[in-house]
Amino acid sequence: MSSKPTWELVKMLLNLRDISVHFGKAEAIRNVTIEVTEGTVVGIIGANGAGKSTILKAVCGAVPITKGEIWFMDKRTDGMAPHHIVKLGVTHIPEGRHLFPYMSVLANLKIGAYLRKDKAAVKKDLEAVFERFPRLYERRNQQASTMSGGEQQMLAIGRGLMAKPRLLLLDEPSLGLAPLVVQELATIIRDIHKSGISILLVEQNAGLVTKVTERGYVLEVGKVVLEGNLKEIMTNEIVRSAFLG
């Protein structure tokens, strides 16, 4: 049985320790170690199929790990049910947003707080989401499916914030968005970070990654091949190949 990890003393929020994930006999990620300290934005970059999304799914409990350990704060979370991980303060915003398309914007946001019992605080957080995203307030009674891609991404992020996370897992938030919307998204991510929420970001858009993160990991065929300051390692040939796919 594992004892409480020493990295807790240095305000480590999330620690993936040599984790591996298999889908059948296929190994999706192998011996991956990733750390997210409290108050930071950490990026994971790499080509399509490198295993980036699998890492986020493992953190939120959507896929089981076959080796290693996952710690969030002082709790080991691998093997926990996803809703228990959400209660601890981990919220996953998946690639493709996965909204409830025929439900209203307001209903989608309220679903984000479905595990919370603090009704007054939920109401306050809903007002804060509308203040952060005025377009969501304007379209609060509109079906989610009728909004633009950028608006749907705002709704996905707003729904995630309604869970009151300490750590936000963002998977390819810029996917399918116009360049101007991606610029707006960078501002949104920075503002969320400034509000005290730590972020683990999976992203293909090199410009967005370098705008919002300082430290990150480069994933190649399920393995971490580089880590450190992303602006410094972005010139590395492995990183360029990762973004070129």
Protein backbone atom coordinates (compact mmCIF):
# COMPACT_ATOMS: atom_id res chain seq x y z
CA MET A 1 0.00 0.00 0.00
CA SER A 2 1.41 3.40 -1.03
CA SER A 3 2.09 6.00 1.64
CA LYS A 4 1.25 9.67 1.30
CA PRO A 5 3.59 11.10 -1.36
CA THR A 6 6.25 13.65 -0.45
CA TRP A 7 5.36 15.88 -3.43
CA GLU A 8 2.30 17.03 -1.46
CA LEU A 9 4.67 19.20 0.58
CA VAL A 10 5.55 21.25 -2.50
CA LYS A 11 1.89 21.91 -3.37
CA MET A 12 1.71 19.24 -6.03
CA LEU A 13 -1.85 19.14 -7.29
CA LEU A 14 -1.71 16.24 -9.74
CA ASN A 15 0.91 13.53 -10.08
CA LEU A 16 0.87 10.76 -12.68
CA ARG A 17 3.50 8.22 -11.70
CA ASP A 18 4.69 5.88 -14.47
CA ILE A 19 1.19 5.17 -15.73
CA SER A 20 0.35 2.91 -18.66
CA VAL A 21 -2.99 2.34 -20.39
CA HIS A 22 -3.94 -0.54 -22.67
CA PHE A 23 -6.89 -0.98 -24.99
CA GLY A 24 -6.98 -4.72 -25.34
CA LYS A 25 -3.43 -5.72 -26.25
CA ALA A 26 -2.60 -2.30 -27.68
CA GLU A 27 -0.59 0.00 -25.42
CA ALA A 28 -1.94 3.56 -25.68
CA ILE A 29 0.46 5.20 -23.20
CA ARG A 30 3.54 3.76 -21.53
CA ASN A 31 5.28 4.77 -18.30
CA VAL A 32 4.04 8.36 -18.41
CA THR A 33 4.96 10.66 -15.52
CA ILE A 34 3.36 14.12 -15.43
CA GLU A 35 3.19 16.68 -12.64
CA VAL A 36 0.91 19.69 -12.24
CA THR A 37 1.75 21.99 -9.35
CA GLU A 38 -0.98 24.15 -7.84
CA GLY A 39 -1.60 27.42 -9.65
CA THR A 40 -0.08 26.43 -13.00
CA VAL A 41 -1.12 25.75 -16.59
CA VAL A 42 0.63 22.67 -17.98
CA GLY A 43 0.46 21.62 -21.63
CA ILE A 44 0.61 18.21 -23.29
CA ILE A 45 1.44 18.35 -26.99
CA GLY A 46 2.03 15.78 -29.70
CA ALA A 47 0.72 14.35 -32.95
CA ASN A 48 -2.71 12.83 -33.41
CA GLY A 49 -2.77 9.36 -31.88
CA ALA A 50 0.10 10.06 -29.49
CA GLY A 51 -2.08 9.32 -26.46
CA LYS A 52 -2.75 12.84 -25.21
CA SER A 53 -6.51 12.46 -24.77
CA THR A 54 -6.02 9.06 -23.15
CA ILE A 55 -4.00 10.72 -20.39
CA LEU A 56 -6.84 13.10 -19.56
CA LYS A 57 -9.35 10.24 -19.63
CA ALA A 58 -7.16 8.30 -17.21
CA VAL A 59 -6.99 11.28 -14.84
CA CYS A 60 -10.77 11.69 -14.75
CA GLY A 61 -11.38 7.95 -14.39
CA ALA A 62 -12.93 7.39 -17.83
CA VAL A 63 -10.34 4.73 -18.71
CA PRO A 64 -8.48 2.45 -16.26
CA ILE A 65 -4.71 2.44 -15.99
CA THR A 66 -2.85 -0.87 -16.21
CA LYS A 67 0.28 0.31 -14.42
CA GLY A 68 1.39 3.13 -12.14
CA GLU A 69 -0.47 5.51 -9.84
CA ILE A 70 -2.47 8.74 -10.12
CA TRP A 71 -2.55 11.12 -7.17
CA PHE A 72 -4.68 14.25 -6.80
CA MET A 73 -3.65 16.23 -3.74
CA ASP A 74 -3.33 13.65 -0.95
CA LYS A 75 -5.56 11.02 -2.51
CA ARG A 76 -4.76 8.20 -4.88
CA THR A 77 -7.49 8.40 -7.53
CA ASP A 78 -6.78 5.62 -10.02
CA GLY A 79 -9.57 3.11 -9.60
CA MET A 80 -12.01 5.73 -8.27
CA ALA A 81 -15.36 6.21 -9.97
CA PRO A 82 -15.41 9.33 -12.19
CA HIS A 83 -18.04 11.14 -10.10
CA HIS A 84 -15.87 10.77 -6.99
CA ILE A 85 -12.96 12.33 -8.88
CA VAL A 86 -15.21 15.23 -9.90
CA LYS A 87 -16.16 15.73 -6.24
CA LEU A 88 -12.45 16.02 -5.38
CA GLY A 89 -12.14 18.94 -7.80
CA VAL A 90 -11.15 17.51 -11.20
CA THR A 91 -13.27 18.52 -14.19
CA HIS A 92 -12.78 17.19 -17.73
CA ILE A 93 -13.83 19.19 -20.81
CA PRO A 94 -13.50 16.59 -23.56
CA GLU A 95 -12.51 17.00 -27.18
CA GLY A 96 -15.61 17.77 -29.23
CA ARG A 97 -17.31 19.44 -26.24
CA HIS A 98 -20.00 16.71 -25.76
CA LEU A 99 -22.82 19.09 -24.94
CA PHE A 100 -26.46 18.06 -24.67
CA PRO A 101 -27.40 19.48 -28.08
CA TYR A 102 -31.19 19.64 -27.71
CA MET A 103 -31.13 21.11 -24.23
CA SER A 104 -30.89 24.83 -23.52
CA VAL A 105 -27.70 26.66 -22.66
CA LEU A 106 -29.00 27.16 -19.12
CA ALA A 107 -29.82 23.46 -18.69
CA ASN A 108 -26.35 22.46 -19.90
CA LEU A 109 -24.75 24.80 -17.37
CA LYS A 110 -26.86 23.51 -14.50
CA ILE A 111 -25.87 19.93 -15.35
CA GLY A 112 -22.27 20.94 -14.64
CA ALA A 113 -23.25 21.46 -10.99
CA TYR A 114 -25.26 18.25 -10.62
CA LEU A 115 -23.07 16.90 -7.80
CA ARG A 116 -23.20 20.10 -5.78
CA LYS A 117 -25.62 20.68 -2.89
CA ASP A 118 -24.69 24.31 -2.12
CA LYS A 119 -27.57 25.97 -4.01
CA ALA A 120 -26.66 29.54 -3.10
CA ALA A 121 -23.07 29.03 -4.25
CA VAL A 122 -24.27 27.34 -7.45
CA LYS A 123 -26.45 30.36 -8.22
CA LYS A 124 -23.50 32.67 -7.59
CA ASP A 125 -21.24 30.60 -9.85
CA LEU A 126 -23.88 30.61 -12.59
CA GLU A 127 -23.96 34.40 -12.42
CA ALA A 128 -20.16 34.41 -12.62
CA VAL A 129 -20.25 32.21 -15.75
CA PHE A 130 -22.74 34.57 -17.39
CA GLU A 131 -20.54 37.52 -16.43
CA ARG A 132 -17.50 35.79 -17.97
CA PHE A 133 -19.47 34.73 -21.06
CA PRO A 134 -22.15 37.35 -21.81
CA ARG A 135 -23.14 35.52 -25.01
CA LEU A 136 -24.21 32.53 -22.94
CA TYR A 137 -26.56 34.76 -20.97
CA GLU A 138 -27.98 36.19 -24.19
CA ARG A 139 -28.58 32.63 -25.48
CA ARG A 140 -29.49 31.00 -22.16
CA ASN A 141 -32.83 29.71 -23.47
CA GLN A 142 -31.45 28.66 -26.85
CA GLN A 143 -30.68 25.05 -27.80
CA ALA A 144 -26.96 24.31 -27.53
CA SER A 145 -26.87 22.76 -31.01
CA THR A 146 -27.92 26.03 -32.66
CA MET A 147 -24.88 27.98 -31.45
CA SER A 148 -21.59 28.54 -33.29
CA GLY A 149 -18.53 26.40 -32.57
CA GLY A 150 -16.94 29.14 -30.50
CA GLU A 151 -20.08 29.65 -28.46
CA GLN A 152 -20.38 25.91 -27.88
CA GLN A 153 -16.80 25.83 -26.60
CA MET A 154 -17.62 28.66 -24.21
CA LEU A 155 -20.62 26.64 -23.02
CA ALA A 156 -18.47 23.55 -22.50
CA ILE A 157 -15.99 25.56 -20.45
CA GLY A 158 -18.78 27.27 -18.53
CA ARG A 159 -20.35 23.90 -17.73
CA GLY A 160 -16.97 22.69 -16.48
CA LEU A 161 -16.60 25.73 -14.24
CA MET A 162 -20.00 25.02 -12.70
CA ALA A 163 -18.47 21.92 -11.09
CA LYS A 164 -16.18 24.30 -9.15
CA PRO A 165 -12.92 22.57 -10.11
CA ARG A 166 -9.47 22.95 -8.64
CA LEU A 167 -8.05 21.34 -11.79
CA LEU A 168 -9.52 21.77 -15.27
CA LEU A 169 -8.64 19.18 -17.92
CA LEU A 170 -8.98 20.84 -21.34
CA ASP A 171 -8.83 18.56 -24.39
CA GLU A 172 -8.22 20.27 -27.77
CA PRO A 173 -10.36 23.34 -27.00
CA SER A 174 -9.34 25.11 -30.24
CA LEU A 175 -10.44 22.25 -32.50
CA GLY A 176 -12.50 23.54 -35.42
CA LEU A 177 -12.45 27.17 -34.27
CA ALA A 178 -11.58 30.20 -36.40
CA PRO A 179 -8.28 32.00 -35.63
CA LEU A 180 -10.02 35.00 -34.06
CA VAL A 181 -12.01 32.71 -31.78
CA VAL A 182 -8.79 30.90 -30.79
CA GLN A 183 -7.34 34.26 -29.73
CA GLU A 184 -10.40 34.85 -27.57
CA LEU A 185 -10.01 31.34 -26.16
CA ALA A 186 -6.44 32.12 -25.08
CA THR A 187 -7.73 35.11 -23.09
CA ILE A 188 -10.43 32.92 -21.50
CA ILE A 189 -7.88 30.28 -20.42
CA ARG A 190 -5.58 32.92 -18.93
CA ASP A 191 -8.49 34.48 -17.02
CA ILE A 192 -9.56 31.10 -15.64
CA HIS A 193 -6.00 30.50 -14.49
CA LYS A 194 -5.87 33.92 -12.82
CA SER A 195 -9.04 33.03 -10.91
CA GLY A 196 -7.10 30.30 -9.11
CA ILE A 197 -7.90 27.20 -11.18
CA SER A 198 -5.02 25.03 -12.36
CA ILE A 199 -5.21 23.67 -15.92
CA LEU A 200 -3.87 20.61 -17.75
CA LEU A 201 -4.19 21.42 -21.45
CA VAL A 202 -4.02 19.03 -24.40
CA GLU A 203 -3.72 21.05 -27.60
CA GLN A 204 -2.50 20.89 -31.21
CA ASN A 205 -2.47 24.64 -31.81
CA ALA A 206 1.13 25.69 -31.11
CA GLY A 207 0.24 29.37 -30.88
CA LEU A 208 -2.40 28.77 -28.22
CA VAL A 209 -0.14 26.49 -26.19
CA THR A 210 2.71 29.01 -26.03
CA LYS A 211 0.33 31.85 -25.12
CA VAL A 212 -1.18 30.16 -22.09
CA THR A 213 1.41 27.69 -20.76
CA GLU A 214 4.99 27.87 -19.56
CA ARG A 215 5.74 24.23 -18.82
CA GLY A 216 4.70 21.16 -20.68
CA TYR A 217 5.30 17.68 -22.01
CA VAL A 218 5.81 16.36 -25.54
CA LEU A 219 4.18 13.01 -26.18
CA GLU A 220 5.24 10.69 -28.99
CA VAL A 221 3.66 7.25 -29.57
CA GLY A 222 2.43 7.07 -25.98
CA LYS A 223 5.68 8.15 -24.32
CA VAL A 224 6.93 11.46 -22.91
CA VAL A 225 9.97 12.38 -24.99
CA LEU A 226 10.53 15.97 -23.80
CA GLU A 227 9.45 18.13 -20.89
CA GLY A 228 10.23 21.62 -19.66
CA ASN A 229 9.64 25.22 -20.73
CA LEU A 230 7.45 25.00 -23.82
CA LYS A 231 8.74 28.20 -25.40
CA GLU A 232 12.26 26.83 -25.20
CA ILE A 233 11.49 23.35 -26.48
CA MET A 234 9.09 24.50 -29.22
CA THR A 235 12.05 24.84 -31.58
CA ASN A 236 13.02 21.20 -31.09
CA GLU A 237 12.68 19.01 -34.19
CA ILE A 238 10.58 16.47 -32.27
CA VAL A 239 8.13 19.18 -31.31
CA ARG A 240 7.90 20.55 -34.85
CA SER A 241 7.25 17.03 -36.13
CA ALA A 242 4.57 16.56 -33.48
CA PHE A 243 2.64 19.59 -34.67
CA LEU A 244 3.08 18.62 -38.29
CA GLY A 245 1.79 15.17 -37.41
